[in-house]
Amino acid sequence: SSLTDNLDWCDIVAYASSTVALEALMRGKPVLHFDAQEVVSGDPLIGPDPGFRFEALDAREGAAILGQLIEMNDEDYKRRAQLAVDYVGAYLPPATPACPPLSHPVVLPIFYLP
């Protein structure tokens, strides 16, 4: 299966240092960052709170956060999901259109110097 299939299937994405967290937030899914306590963080979500990012240092904390998500009411869940989508929209630049076809061929001179 593809990343898209997996993100559509899951309810939450757990990560340590992956931009898959951004992909999940883009879909309004919560993300759970397991902090590896590295000197330099590999977490791509540093800075402002994206609204749907949670942090755990170990499995016990991660399980507690999963419990909080299960108990979260629909209104709060939808609000946080929209904050996440808005965060990614502001974080990533818009896609650029494909390059148009050239009206004339481009020739690059190649010089060979023995």
Protein backbone atom coordinates (compact mmCIF):
# COMPACT_ATOMS: atom_id res chain seq x y z
CA SER A 1 0.00 0.00 0.00
CA SER A 2 1.05 3.62 -0.39
CA LEU A 3 1.64 6.37 2.14
CA THR A 4 -1.64 7.93 1.08
CA ASP A 5 -3.47 4.66 1.74
CA ASN A 6 -1.87 4.35 5.16
CA LEU A 7 -2.71 7.94 6.10
CA ASP A 8 -6.30 7.47 4.97
CA TRP A 9 -6.53 4.28 7.05
CA CYS A 10 -4.97 5.47 10.31
CA ASP A 11 -6.47 7.55 13.11
CA ILE A 12 -3.18 8.99 14.40
CA VAL A 13 0.44 9.12 13.23
CA ALA A 14 3.25 8.49 15.70
CA TYR A 15 6.68 9.75 14.62
CA ALA A 16 10.11 10.70 15.87
CA SER A 17 11.58 12.72 13.00
CA SER A 18 9.54 12.46 9.83
CA THR A 19 7.73 14.85 7.53
CA VAL A 20 4.93 12.27 7.46
CA ALA A 21 3.70 14.29 10.44
CA LEU A 22 3.01 17.19 8.05
CA GLU A 23 1.18 14.85 5.67
CA ALA A 24 -1.02 13.66 8.54
CA LEU A 25 -1.77 17.18 9.75
CA MET A 26 -2.63 18.16 6.19
CA ARG A 27 -5.39 15.55 6.40
CA GLY A 28 -6.57 16.78 9.81
CA LYS A 29 -5.10 13.78 11.64
CA PRO A 30 -3.48 14.08 15.07
CA VAL A 31 0.23 13.38 15.37
CA LEU A 32 2.13 11.98 18.34
CA HIS A 33 5.80 12.91 18.52
CA PHE A 34 7.99 10.53 20.50
CA ASP A 35 10.84 12.72 21.69
CA ALA A 36 14.12 10.83 21.38
CA GLN A 37 15.85 13.44 23.59
CA GLU A 38 18.40 14.22 20.88
CA VAL A 39 20.70 17.22 21.14
CA VAL A 40 19.30 18.55 17.87
CA SER A 41 15.64 17.69 17.34
CA GLY A 42 14.70 16.03 14.07
CA ASP A 43 11.06 17.02 14.56
CA PRO A 44 9.86 19.00 11.52
CA LEU A 45 7.10 20.57 13.66
CA ILE A 46 9.12 22.99 15.73
CA GLY A 47 7.69 26.44 16.27
CA PRO A 48 4.04 27.37 16.66
CA ASP A 49 1.66 24.69 17.92
CA PRO A 50 -0.15 23.13 14.94
CA GLY A 51 -3.13 22.35 17.17
CA PHE A 52 -3.12 18.58 16.79
CA ARG A 53 0.43 17.66 17.83
CA PHE A 54 1.07 15.76 21.03
CA GLU A 55 4.38 14.86 22.63
CA ALA A 56 5.45 11.79 24.61
CA LEU A 57 8.75 10.70 26.11
CA ASP A 58 7.79 7.03 26.42
CA ALA A 59 5.09 4.45 25.73
CA ARG A 60 3.23 5.21 28.98
CA GLU A 61 2.85 8.88 28.05
CA GLY A 62 1.89 7.88 24.50
CA ALA A 63 -0.84 5.59 25.82
CA ALA A 64 -2.19 8.39 28.03
CA ILE A 65 -2.37 10.70 25.01
CA LEU A 66 -4.22 8.05 23.01
CA GLY A 67 -6.72 7.87 25.86
CA GLN A 68 -7.19 11.64 25.72
CA LEU A 69 -7.84 11.44 21.98
CA ILE A 70 -10.40 8.69 22.45
CA GLU A 71 -12.21 10.79 25.06
CA MET A 72 -12.02 14.04 23.03
CA ASN A 73 -15.44 15.37 22.05
CA ASP A 74 -16.29 15.79 18.37
CA GLU A 75 -16.32 19.60 18.51
CA ASP A 76 -12.81 19.82 19.96
CA TYR A 77 -11.55 17.14 17.57
CA LYS A 78 -12.90 19.02 14.53
CA ARG A 79 -11.54 22.34 15.80
CA ARG A 80 -8.06 20.86 16.29
CA ALA A 81 -8.22 19.11 12.90
CA GLN A 82 -8.96 22.45 11.22
CA LEU A 83 -6.11 24.13 13.13
CA ALA A 84 -3.79 21.40 11.83
CA VAL A 85 -4.92 21.86 8.22
CA ASP A 86 -4.53 25.64 8.53
CA TYR A 87 -1.06 25.21 10.08
CA VAL A 88 0.20 23.13 7.16
CA GLY A 89 -1.39 25.54 4.67
CA ALA A 90 0.61 28.39 6.23
CA TYR A 91 3.78 26.29 6.69
CA LEU A 92 4.13 24.92 3.18
CA PRO A 93 4.22 27.16 0.12
CA PRO A 94 1.53 26.59 -2.51
CA ALA A 95 2.36 24.18 -5.30
CA THR A 96 3.80 25.79 -8.40
CA PRO A 97 2.20 25.16 -11.78
CA ALA A 98 3.97 22.85 -14.19
CA CYS A 99 6.40 24.52 -16.57
CA PRO A 100 4.70 25.41 -19.85
CA PRO A 101 6.07 23.84 -23.03
CA LEU A 102 8.75 25.87 -24.73
CA SER A 103 7.81 27.67 -27.93
CA HIS A 104 11.27 27.06 -29.33
CA PRO A 105 14.02 24.59 -28.50
CA VAL A 106 16.74 25.63 -26.13
CA VAL A 107 20.27 24.90 -27.31
CA LEU A 108 23.06 24.90 -24.79
CA PRO A 109 26.53 25.27 -26.26
CA ILE A 110 28.92 22.55 -25.20
CA PHE A 111 32.61 23.27 -25.40
CA TYR A 112 35.22 20.59 -25.44
CA LEU A 113 38.68 21.69 -24.51
CA PRO A 114 41.33 19.00 -24.94
